[in-house]
Amino acid sequence: MKMLRQVQQMQDRMGKLQKELETETVSATVGGGAVRVVATGTQTLVSVRIDPDATGDAEMLQDLVVAAVNEAMEKSKQMASDRMQALTSGLGLPPGLL
């Protein structure tokens, strides 16, 4: 019965963590500030800001946007992973199981 209660508590905590990750954000800036991307902890892109001075070279701008989005998504995944690890650290589960 105790284990069932612990599982229920873990499910509740994971639900709360998921809600928190939906509202927390990370940002990535590339090209010396030419492109800034913001994403949530659930890997949802929130905004892209492009410095008007960076619009002269379309190919470079495209590369900068891709780089910024990739960096923001990586930061978002890392934040979610860190939070999940902190949540499950007391369970004694192998890393990466959840």
PDB file of N, CA and C in Angstrom:
ATOM      1  N   MET A   1       0.828  -1.193   0.000  1.00  0.00           N
ATOM      2  CA  MET A   1       0.000   0.000   0.000  1.00  0.00           C
ATOM      3  C   MET A   1       0.872   1.257   0.000  1.00  0.00           C
ATOM      4  N   LYS A   2       1.985   1.191   0.752  1.00  0.00           N
ATOM      5  CA  LYS A   2       2.890   2.328   0.826  1.00  0.00           C
ATOM      6  C   LYS A   2       3.482   2.639  -0.556  1.00  0.00           C
ATOM      7  N   MET A   3       3.843   1.596  -1.298  1.00  0.00           N
ATOM      8  CA  MET A   3       4.414   1.795  -2.617  1.00  0.00           C
ATOM      9  C   MET A   3       3.385   2.425  -3.568  1.00  0.00           C
ATOM     10  N   LEU A   4       2.153   2.008  -3.485  1.00  0.00           N
ATOM     11  CA  LEU A   4       1.094   2.581  -4.318  1.00  0.00           C
ATOM     12  C   LEU A   4       0.931   4.069  -4.026  1.00  0.00           C
ATOM     13  N   ARG A   5       0.999   4.422  -2.767  1.00  0.00           N
ATOM     14  CA  ARG A   5       0.909   5.825  -2.367  1.00  0.00           C
ATOM     15  C   ARG A   5       2.086   6.630  -2.921  1.00  0.00           C
ATOM     16  N   GLN A   6       3.289   6.036  -2.870  1.00  0.00           N
ATOM     17  CA  GLN A   6       4.474   6.700  -3.403  1.00  0.00           C
ATOM     18  C   GLN A   6       4.362   6.904  -4.914  1.00  0.00           C
ATOM     19  N   VAL A   7       3.830   5.912  -5.605  1.00  0.00           N
ATOM     20  CA  VAL A   7       3.648   6.031  -7.055  1.00  0.00           C
ATOM     21  C   VAL A   7       2.669   7.155  -7.361  1.00  0.00           C
ATOM     22  N   GLN A   8       1.593   7.243  -6.606  1.00  0.00           N
ATOM     23  CA  GLN A   8       0.600   8.302  -6.807  1.00  0.00           C
ATOM     24  C   GLN A   8       1.222   9.679  -6.555  1.00  0.00           C
ATOM     25  N   GLN A   9       2.024   9.781  -5.504  1.00  0.00           N
ATOM     26  CA  GLN A   9       2.687  11.050  -5.220  1.00  0.00           C
ATOM     27  C   GLN A   9       3.646  11.424  -6.344  1.00  0.00           C
ATOM     28  N   MET A  10       4.365  10.448  -6.876  1.00  0.00           N
ATOM     29  CA  MET A  10       5.286  10.703  -7.975  1.00  0.00           C
ATOM     30  C   MET A  10       4.518  11.173  -9.212  1.00  0.00           C
ATOM     31  N   GLN A  11       3.395  10.565  -9.500  1.00  0.00           N
ATOM     32  CA  GLN A  11       2.578  10.988 -10.635  1.00  0.00           C
ATOM     33  C   GLN A  11       2.101  12.431 -10.453  1.00  0.00           C
ATOM     34  N   ASP A  12       1.704  12.759  -9.248  1.00  0.00           N
ATOM     35  CA  ASP A  12       1.265  14.127  -8.965  1.00  0.00           C
ATOM     36  C   ASP A  12       2.413  15.112  -9.182  1.00  0.00           C
ATOM     37  N   ARG A  13       3.595  14.770  -8.664  1.00  0.00           N
ATOM     38  CA  ARG A  13       4.764  15.648  -8.833  1.00  0.00           C
ATOM     39  C   ARG A  13       5.149  15.805 -10.303  1.00  0.00           C
ATOM     40  N   MET A  14       5.065  14.715 -11.041  1.00  0.00           N
ATOM     41  CA  MET A  14       5.405  14.778 -12.467  1.00  0.00           C
ATOM     42  C   MET A  14       4.402  15.647 -13.225  1.00  0.00           C
ATOM     43  N   GLY A  15       3.149  15.575 -12.861  1.00  0.00           N
ATOM     44  CA  GLY A  15       2.141  16.436 -13.480  1.00  0.00           C
ATOM     45  C   GLY A  15       2.418  17.901 -13.195  1.00  0.00           C
ATOM     46  N   LYS A  16       2.781  18.197 -11.957  1.00  0.00           N
ATOM     47  CA  LYS A  16       3.117  19.579 -11.591  1.00  0.00           C
ATOM     48  C   LYS A  16       4.354  20.047 -12.337  1.00  0.00           C
ATOM     49  N   LEU A  17       5.354  19.175 -12.441  1.00  0.00           N
ATOM     50  CA  LEU A  17       6.575  19.516 -13.157  1.00  0.00           C
ATOM     51  C   LEU A  17       6.265  19.815 -14.617  1.00  0.00           C
ATOM     52  N   GLN A  18       5.419  19.014 -15.236  1.00  0.00           N
ATOM     53  CA  GLN A  18       5.052  19.240 -16.633  1.00  0.00           C
ATOM     54  C   GLN A  18       4.391  20.607 -16.806  1.00  0.00           C
ATOM     55  N   LYS A  19       3.509  20.972 -15.896  1.00  0.00           N
ATOM     56  CA  LYS A  19       2.853  22.287 -15.947  1.00  0.00           C
ATOM     57  C   LYS A  19       3.878  23.405 -15.794  1.00  0.00           C
ATOM     58  N   GLU A  20       4.826  23.234 -14.883  1.00  0.00           N
ATOM     59  CA  GLU A  20       5.869  24.238 -14.691  1.00  0.00           C
ATOM     60  C   GLU A  20       6.712  24.400 -15.951  1.00  0.00           C
ATOM     61  N   LEU A  21       7.067  23.286 -16.580  1.00  0.00           N
ATOM     62  CA  LEU A  21       7.894  23.339 -17.780  1.00  0.00           C
ATOM     63  C   LEU A  21       7.167  24.016 -18.943  1.00  0.00           C
ATOM     64  N   GLU A  22       5.836  23.962 -18.936  1.00  0.00           N
ATOM     65  CA  GLU A  22       5.068  24.626 -19.988  1.00  0.00           C
ATOM     66  C   GLU A  22       5.178  26.140 -19.897  1.00  0.00           C
ATOM     67  N   THR A  23       5.457  26.661 -18.702  1.00  0.00           N
ATOM     68  CA  THR A  23       5.506  28.114 -18.541  1.00  0.00           C
ATOM     69  C   THR A  23       6.922  28.665 -18.384  1.00  0.00           C
ATOM     70  N   GLU A  24       7.873  27.832 -18.024  1.00  0.00           N
ATOM     71  CA  GLU A  24       9.256  28.298 -17.881  1.00  0.00           C
ATOM     72  C   GLU A  24       9.907  28.373 -19.256  1.00  0.00           C
ATOM     73  N   THR A  25      10.793  29.344 -19.422  1.00  0.00           N
ATOM     74  CA  THR A  25      11.407  29.535 -20.726  1.00  0.00           C
ATOM     75  C   THR A  25      12.933  29.546 -20.645  1.00  0.00           C
ATOM     76  N   VAL A  26      13.525  29.271 -21.787  1.00  0.00           N
ATOM     77  CA  VAL A  26      14.962  29.401 -21.989  1.00  0.00           C
ATOM     78  C   VAL A  26      15.141  30.244 -23.244  1.00  0.00           C
ATOM     79  N   SER A  27      16.300  30.886 -23.365  1.00  0.00           N
ATOM     80  CA  SER A  27      16.550  31.667 -24.574  1.00  0.00           C
ATOM     81  C   SER A  27      17.931  31.360 -25.110  1.00  0.00           C
ATOM     82  N   ALA A  28      18.076  31.590 -26.402  1.00  0.00           N
ATOM     83  CA  ALA A  28      19.354  31.415 -27.070  1.00  0.00           C
ATOM     84  C   ALA A  28      19.561  32.612 -27.997  1.00  0.00           C
ATOM     85  N   THR A  29      20.751  33.167 -27.948  1.00  0.00           N
ATOM     86  CA  THR A  29      21.096  34.303 -28.790  1.00  0.00           C
ATOM     87  C   THR A  29      22.330  33.944 -29.607  1.00  0.00           C
ATOM     88  N   VAL A  30      22.280  34.204 -30.897  1.00  0.00           N
ATOM     89  CA  VAL A  30      23.409  33.907 -31.780  1.00  0.00           C
ATOM     90  C   VAL A  30      23.714  35.123 -32.644  1.00  0.00           C
ATOM     91  N   GLY A  31      24.869  35.061 -33.275  1.00  0.00           N
ATOM     92  CA  GLY A  31      25.261  36.133 -34.176  1.00  0.00           C
ATOM     93  C   GLY A  31      25.464  37.458 -33.480  1.00  0.00           C
ATOM     94  N   GLY A  32      26.001  37.403 -32.272  1.00  0.00           N
ATOM     95  CA  GLY A  32      26.241  38.635 -31.537  1.00  0.00           C
ATOM     96  C   GLY A  32      24.971  39.394 -31.208  1.00  0.00           C
ATOM     97  N   GLY A  33      23.872  38.672 -31.051  1.00  0.00           N
ATOM     98  CA  GLY A  33      22.597  39.305 -30.722  1.00  0.00           C
ATOM     99  C   GLY A  33      21.705  39.521 -31.927  1.00  0.00           C
ATOM    100  N   ALA A  34      22.127  39.043 -33.093  1.00  0.00           N
ATOM    101  CA  ALA A  34      21.338  39.232 -34.312  1.00  0.00           C
ATOM    102  C   ALA A  34      20.022  38.459 -34.259  1.00  0.00           C
ATOM    103  N   VAL A  35      20.049  37.279 -33.636  1.00  0.00           N
ATOM    104  CA  VAL A  35      18.837  36.454 -33.541  1.00  0.00           C
ATOM    105  C   VAL A  35      18.719  35.950 -32.114  1.00  0.00           C
ATOM    106  N   ARG A  36      17.510  36.108 -31.559  1.00  0.00           N
ATOM    107  CA  ARG A  36      17.229  35.610 -30.205  1.00  0.00           C
ATOM    108  C   ARG A  36      15.962  34.785 -30.269  1.00  0.00           C
ATOM    109  N   VAL A  37      16.026  33.576 -29.715  1.00  0.00           N
ATOM    110  CA  VAL A  37      14.903  32.642 -29.721  1.00  0.00           C
ATOM    111  C   VAL A  37      14.547  32.297 -28.286  1.00  0.00           C
ATOM    112  N   VAL A  38      13.250  32.221 -27.999  1.00  0.00           N
ATOM    113  CA  VAL A  38      12.766  31.828 -26.677  1.00  0.00           C
ATOM    114  C   VAL A  38      11.881  30.593 -26.852  1.00  0.00           C
ATOM    115  N   ALA A  39      12.087  29.595 -25.988  1.00  0.00           N
ATOM    116  CA  ALA A  39      11.301  28.363 -26.017  1.00  0.00           C
ATOM    117  C   ALA A  39      10.918  27.978 -24.594  1.00  0.00           C
ATOM    118  N   THR A  40       9.846  27.205 -24.472  1.00  0.00           N
ATOM    119  CA  THR A  40       9.418  26.723 -23.163  1.00  0.00           C
ATOM    120  C   THR A  40      10.188  25.457 -22.804  1.00  0.00           C
ATOM    121  N   GLY A  41       9.999  25.010 -21.566  1.00  0.00           N
ATOM    122  CA  GLY A  41      10.613  23.777 -21.103  1.00  0.00           C
ATOM    123  C   GLY A  41      10.019  22.535 -21.733  1.00  0.00           C
ATOM    124  N   THR A  42       8.955  22.709 -22.526  1.00  0.00           N
ATOM    125  CA  THR A  42       8.351  21.587 -23.243  1.00  0.00           C
ATOM    126  C   THR A  42       8.665  21.669 -24.735  1.00  0.00           C
ATOM    127  N   GLN A  43       9.739  22.369 -25.068  1.00  0.00           N
ATOM    128  CA  GLN A  43      10.232  22.502 -26.430  1.00  0.00           C
ATOM    129  C   GLN A  43       9.226  23.156 -27.384  1.00  0.00           C
ATOM    130  N   THR A  44       8.500  24.127 -26.886  1.00  0.00           N
ATOM    131  CA  THR A  44       7.605  24.924 -27.719  1.00  0.00           C
ATOM    132  C   THR A  44       8.265  26.266 -27.986  1.00  0.00           C
ATOM    133  N   LEU A  45       8.384  26.619 -29.236  1.00  0.00           N
ATOM    134  CA  LEU A  45       8.981  27.886 -29.619  1.00  0.00           C
ATOM    135  C   LEU A  45       8.013  29.006 -29.268  1.00  0.00           C
ATOM    136  N   VAL A  46       8.487  29.999 -28.514  1.00  0.00           N
ATOM    137  CA  VAL A  46       7.645  31.101 -28.058  1.00  0.00           C
ATOM    138  C   VAL A  46       7.846  32.340 -28.921  1.00  0.00           C
ATOM    139  N   SER A  47       9.110  32.667 -29.207  1.00  0.00           N
ATOM    140  CA  SER A  47       9.354  33.863 -30.005  1.00  0.00           C
ATOM    141  C   SER A  47      10.699  33.787 -30.708  1.00  0.00           C
ATOM    142  N   VAL A  48      10.777  34.561 -31.785  1.00  0.00           N
ATOM    143  CA  VAL A  48      12.018  34.746 -32.525  1.00  0.00           C
ATOM    144  C   VAL A  48      12.168  36.246 -32.737  1.00  0.00           C
ATOM    145  N   ARG A  49      13.307  36.792 -32.302  1.00  0.00           N
ATOM    146  CA  ARG A  49      13.556  38.221 -32.509  1.00  0.00           C
ATOM    147  C   ARG A  49      14.768  38.343 -33.420  1.00  0.00           C
ATOM    148  N   ILE A  50      14.595  39.108 -34.493  1.00  0.00           N
ATOM    149  CA  ILE A  50      15.673  39.310 -35.457  1.00  0.00           C
ATOM    150  C   ILE A  50      16.014  40.790 -35.493  1.00  0.00           C
ATOM    151  N   ASP A  51      17.282  41.072 -35.288  1.00  0.00           N
ATOM    152  CA  ASP A  51      17.759  42.452 -35.374  1.00  0.00           C
ATOM    153  C   ASP A  51      17.604  42.922 -36.825  1.00  0.00           C
ATOM    154  N   PRO A  52      16.959  44.049 -37.057  1.00  0.00           N
ATOM    155  CA  PRO A  52      16.754  44.538 -38.426  1.00  0.00           C
ATOM    156  C   PRO A  52      18.060  44.673 -39.216  1.00  0.00           C
ATOM    157  N   ASP A  53      19.161  44.914 -38.545  1.00  0.00           N
ATOM    158  CA  ASP A  53      20.447  45.037 -39.234  1.00  0.00           C
ATOM    159  C   ASP A  53      20.919  43.696 -39.810  1.00  0.00           C
ATOM    160  N   ALA A  54      20.342  42.593 -39.337  1.00  0.00           N
ATOM    161  CA  ALA A  54      20.776  41.263 -39.776  1.00  0.00           C
ATOM    162  C   ALA A  54      20.006  40.779 -41.002  1.00  0.00           C
ATOM    163  N   THR A  55      19.090  41.568 -41.514  1.00  0.00           N
ATOM    164  CA  THR A  55      18.248  41.100 -42.617  1.00  0.00           C
ATOM    165  C   THR A  55      18.879  41.263 -43.993  1.00  0.00           C
ATOM    166  N   GLY A  56      20.075  41.788 -44.066  1.00  0.00           N
ATOM    167  CA  GLY A  56      20.720  42.018 -45.354  1.00  0.00           C
ATOM    168  C   GLY A  56      21.131  40.751 -46.083  1.00  0.00           C
ATOM    169  N   ASP A  57      21.576  39.749 -45.363  1.00  0.00           N
ATOM    170  CA  ASP A  57      22.068  38.501 -45.967  1.00  0.00           C
ATOM    171  C   ASP A  57      21.110  37.376 -45.590  1.00  0.00           C
ATOM    172  N   ALA A  58      20.214  37.020 -46.507  1.00  0.00           N
ATOM    173  CA  ALA A  58      19.165  36.037 -46.215  1.00  0.00           C
ATOM    174  C   ALA A  58      19.731  34.673 -45.835  1.00  0.00           C
ATOM    175  N   GLU A  59      20.765  34.229 -46.527  1.00  0.00           N
ATOM    176  CA  GLU A  59      21.336  32.910 -46.244  1.00  0.00           C
ATOM    177  C   GLU A  59      21.942  32.868 -44.841  1.00  0.00           C
ATOM    178  N   MET A  60      22.679  33.914 -44.491  1.00  0.00           N
ATOM    179  CA  MET A  60      23.268  33.977 -43.153  1.00  0.00           C
ATOM    180  C   MET A  60      22.165  34.033 -42.096  1.00  0.00           C
ATOM    181  N   LEU A  61      21.123  34.811 -42.356  1.00  0.00           N
ATOM    182  CA  LEU A  61      20.020  34.938 -41.413  1.00  0.00           C
ATOM    183  C   LEU A  61      19.340  33.594 -41.189  1.00  0.00           C
ATOM    184  N   GLN A  62      19.140  32.848 -42.257  1.00  0.00           N
ATOM    185  CA  GLN A  62      18.536  31.521 -42.132  1.00  0.00           C
ATOM    186  C   GLN A  62      19.398  30.623 -41.245  1.00  0.00           C
ATOM    187  N   ASP A  63      20.695  30.654 -41.462  1.00  0.00           N
ATOM    188  CA  ASP A  63      21.610  29.845 -40.650  1.00  0.00           C
ATOM    189  C   ASP A  63      21.569  30.269 -39.181  1.00  0.00           C
ATOM    190  N   LEU A  64      21.497  31.570 -38.955  1.00  0.00           N
ATOM    191  CA  LEU A  64      21.431  32.066 -37.577  1.00  0.00           C
ATOM    192  C   LEU A  64      20.149  31.631 -36.887  1.00  0.00           C
ATOM    193  N   VAL A  65      19.028  31.683 -37.596  1.00  0.00           N
ATOM    194  CA  VAL A  65      17.748  31.267 -37.011  1.00  0.00           C
ATOM    195  C   VAL A  65      17.796  29.784 -36.662  1.00  0.00           C
ATOM    196  N   VAL A  66      18.299  28.969 -37.575  1.00  0.00           N
ATOM    197  CA  VAL A  66      18.406  27.525 -37.307  1.00  0.00           C
ATOM    198  C   VAL A  66      19.304  27.278 -36.096  1.00  0.00           C
ATOM    199  N   ALA A  67      20.426  27.950 -36.032  1.00  0.00           N
ATOM    200  CA  ALA A  67      21.347  27.772 -34.905  1.00  0.00           C
ATOM    201  C   ALA A  67      20.696  28.182 -33.589  1.00  0.00           C
ATOM    202  N   ALA A  68      19.989  29.295 -33.596  1.00  0.00           N
ATOM    203  CA  ALA A  68      19.346  29.768 -32.367  1.00  0.00           C
ATOM    204  C   ALA A  68      18.244  28.821 -31.920  1.00  0.00           C
ATOM    205  N   VAL A  69      17.436  28.352 -32.852  1.00  0.00           N
ATOM    206  CA  VAL A  69      16.360  27.419 -32.504  1.00  0.00           C
ATOM    207  C   VAL A  69      16.942  26.125 -31.960  1.00  0.00           C
ATOM    208  N   ASN A  70      17.960  25.592 -32.613  1.00  0.00           N
ATOM    209  CA  ASN A  70      18.584  24.357 -32.128  1.00  0.00           C
ATOM    210  C   ASN A  70      19.161  24.533 -30.730  1.00  0.00           C
ATOM    211  N   GLU A  71      19.810  25.654 -30.489  1.00  0.00           N
ATOM    212  CA  GLU A  71      20.385  25.904 -29.165  1.00  0.00           C
ATOM    213  C   GLU A  71      19.288  26.026 -28.106  1.00  0.00           C
ATOM    214  N   ALA A  72      18.212  26.730 -28.429  1.00  0.00           N
ATOM    215  CA  ALA A  72      17.108  26.877 -27.474  1.00  0.00           C
ATOM    216  C   ALA A  72      16.457  25.534 -27.176  1.00  0.00           C
ATOM    217  N   MET A  73      16.280  24.698 -28.185  1.00  0.00           N
ATOM    218  CA  MET A  73      15.667  23.384 -27.972  1.00  0.00           C
ATOM    219  C   MET A  73      16.568  22.513 -27.096  1.00  0.00           C
ATOM    220  N   GLU A  74      17.872  22.593 -27.315  1.00  0.00           N
ATOM    221  CA  GLU A  74      18.808  21.825 -26.496  1.00  0.00           C
ATOM    222  C   GLU A  74      18.759  22.297 -25.040  1.00  0.00           C
ATOM    223  N   LYS A  75      18.735  23.599 -24.842  1.00  0.00           N
ATOM    224  CA  LYS A  75      18.630  24.136 -23.480  1.00  0.00           C
ATOM    225  C   LYS A  75      17.326  23.703 -22.820  1.00  0.00           C
ATOM    226  N   SER A  76      16.250  23.703 -23.593  1.00  0.00           N
ATOM    227  CA  SER A  76      14.949  23.302 -23.070  1.00  0.00           C
ATOM    228  C   SER A  76      14.956  21.835 -22.645  1.00  0.00           C
ATOM    229  N   LYS A  77      15.504  20.987 -23.499  1.00  0.00           N
ATOM    230  CA  LYS A  77      15.594  19.564 -23.164  1.00  0.00           C
ATOM    231  C   LYS A  77      16.444  19.341 -21.916  1.00  0.00           C
ATOM    232  N   GLN A  78      17.546  20.069 -21.819  1.00  0.00           N
ATOM    233  CA  GLN A  78      18.430  19.929 -20.668  1.00  0.00           C
ATOM    234  C   GLN A  78      17.729  20.378 -19.386  1.00  0.00           C
ATOM    235  N   MET A  79      16.983  21.481 -19.465  1.00  0.00           N
ATOM    236  CA  MET A  79      16.251  21.954 -18.300  1.00  0.00           C
ATOM    237  C   MET A  79      15.229  20.909 -17.848  1.00  0.00           C
ATOM    238  N   ALA A  80      14.493  20.343 -18.794  1.00  0.00           N
ATOM    239  CA  ALA A  80      13.497  19.325 -18.457  1.00  0.00           C
ATOM    240  C   ALA A  80      14.165  18.094 -17.859  1.00  0.00           C
ATOM    241  N   SER A  81      15.284  17.684 -18.430  1.00  0.00           N
ATOM    242  CA  SER A  81      16.011  16.523 -17.924  1.00  0.00           C
ATOM    243  C   SER A  81      16.522  16.763 -16.502  1.00  0.00           C
ATOM    244  N   ASP A  82      17.081  17.946 -16.268  1.00  0.00           N
ATOM    245  CA  ASP A  82      17.581  18.277 -14.934  1.00  0.00           C
ATOM    246  C   ASP A  82      16.459  18.265 -13.907  1.00  0.00           C
ATOM    247  N   ARG A  83      15.319  18.823 -14.274  1.00  0.00           N
ATOM    248  CA  ARG A  83      14.180  18.860 -13.340  1.00  0.00           C
ATOM    249  C   ARG A  83      13.658  17.458 -13.062  1.00  0.00           C
ATOM    250  N   MET A  84      13.584  16.626 -14.094  1.00  0.00           N
ATOM    251  CA  MET A  84      13.092  15.261 -13.911  1.00  0.00           C
ATOM    252  C   MET A  84      14.070  14.471 -13.051  1.00  0.00           C
ATOM    253  N   GLN A  85      15.350  14.674 -13.261  1.00  0.00           N
ATOM    254  CA  GLN A  85      16.359  13.975 -12.467  1.00  0.00           C
ATOM    255  C   GLN A  85      16.253  14.379 -10.997  1.00  0.00           C
ATOM    256  N   ALA A  86      16.038  15.665 -10.754  1.00  0.00           N
ATOM    257  CA  ALA A  86      15.893  16.132  -9.375  1.00  0.00           C
ATOM    258  C   ALA A  86      14.650  15.521  -8.729  1.00  0.00           C
ATOM    259  N   LEU A  87      13.602  15.380  -9.520  1.00  0.00           N
ATOM    260  CA  LEU A  87      12.347  14.831  -9.008  1.00  0.00           C
ATOM    261  C   LEU A  87      12.477  13.354  -8.656  1.00  0.00           C
ATOM    262  N   THR A  88      13.218  12.615  -9.466  1.00  0.00           N
ATOM    263  CA  THR A  88      13.301  11.162  -9.278  1.00  0.00           C
ATOM    264  C   THR A  88      14.553  10.712  -8.539  1.00  0.00           C
ATOM    265  N   SER A  89      15.393  11.637  -8.105  1.00  0.00           N
ATOM    266  CA  SER A  89      16.665  11.260  -7.501  1.00  0.00           C
ATOM    267  C   SER A  89      16.515  10.387  -6.260  1.00  0.00           C
ATOM    268  N   GLY A  90      15.468  10.544  -5.512  1.00  0.00           N
ATOM    269  CA  GLY A  90      15.299   9.776  -4.286  1.00  0.00           C
ATOM    270  C   GLY A  90      14.719   8.397  -4.483  1.00  0.00           C
ATOM    271  N   LEU A  91      14.387   8.041  -5.716  1.00  0.00           N
ATOM    272  CA  LEU A  91      13.745   6.754  -5.964  1.00  0.00           C
ATOM    273  C   LEU A  91      14.720   5.603  -6.161  1.00  0.00           C
ATOM    274  N   GLY A  92      15.987   5.917  -6.450  1.00  0.00           N
ATOM    275  CA  GLY A  92      16.953   4.866  -6.684  1.00  0.00           C
ATOM    276  C   GLY A  92      16.794   4.189  -8.029  1.00  0.00           C
ATOM    277  N   LEU A  93      16.199   4.870  -8.991  1.00  0.00           N
ATOM    278  CA  LEU A  93      16.019   4.311 -10.329  1.00  0.00           C
ATOM    279  C   LEU A  93      17.268   4.568 -11.158  1.00  0.00           C
ATOM    280  N   PRO A  94      17.515   3.695 -12.130  1.00  0.00           N
ATOM    281  CA  PRO A  94      18.660   3.929 -13.016  1.00  0.00           C
ATOM    282  C   PRO A  94      18.467   5.205 -13.824  1.00  0.00           C
ATOM    283  N   PRO A  95      19.534   5.939 -14.120  1.00  0.00           N
ATOM    284  CA  PRO A  95      19.421   7.176 -14.906  1.00  0.00           C
ATOM    285  C   PRO A  95      18.786   6.905 -16.256  1.00  0.00           C
ATOM    286  N   GLY A  96      17.905   7.795 -16.696  1.00  0.00           N
ATOM    287  CA  GLY A  96      17.268   7.678 -18.003  1.00  0.00           C
ATOM    288  C   GLY A  96      16.061   6.780 -18.023  1.00  0.00           C
ATOM    289  N   LEU A  97      15.689   6.165 -16.912  1.00  0.00           N
ATOM    290  CA  LEU A  97      14.541   5.263 -16.913  1.00  0.00           C
ATOM    291  C   LEU A  97      13.241   6.029 -17.122  1.00  0.00           C
ATOM    292  N   LEU A  98      13.133   7.198 -16.527  1.00  0.00           N
ATOM    293  CA  LEU A  98      11.913   8.007 -16.690  1.00  0.00           C
ATOM    294  C   LEU A  98      12.129   9.115 -17.663  1.00  0.00           C
TER     295      LEU A  98
END
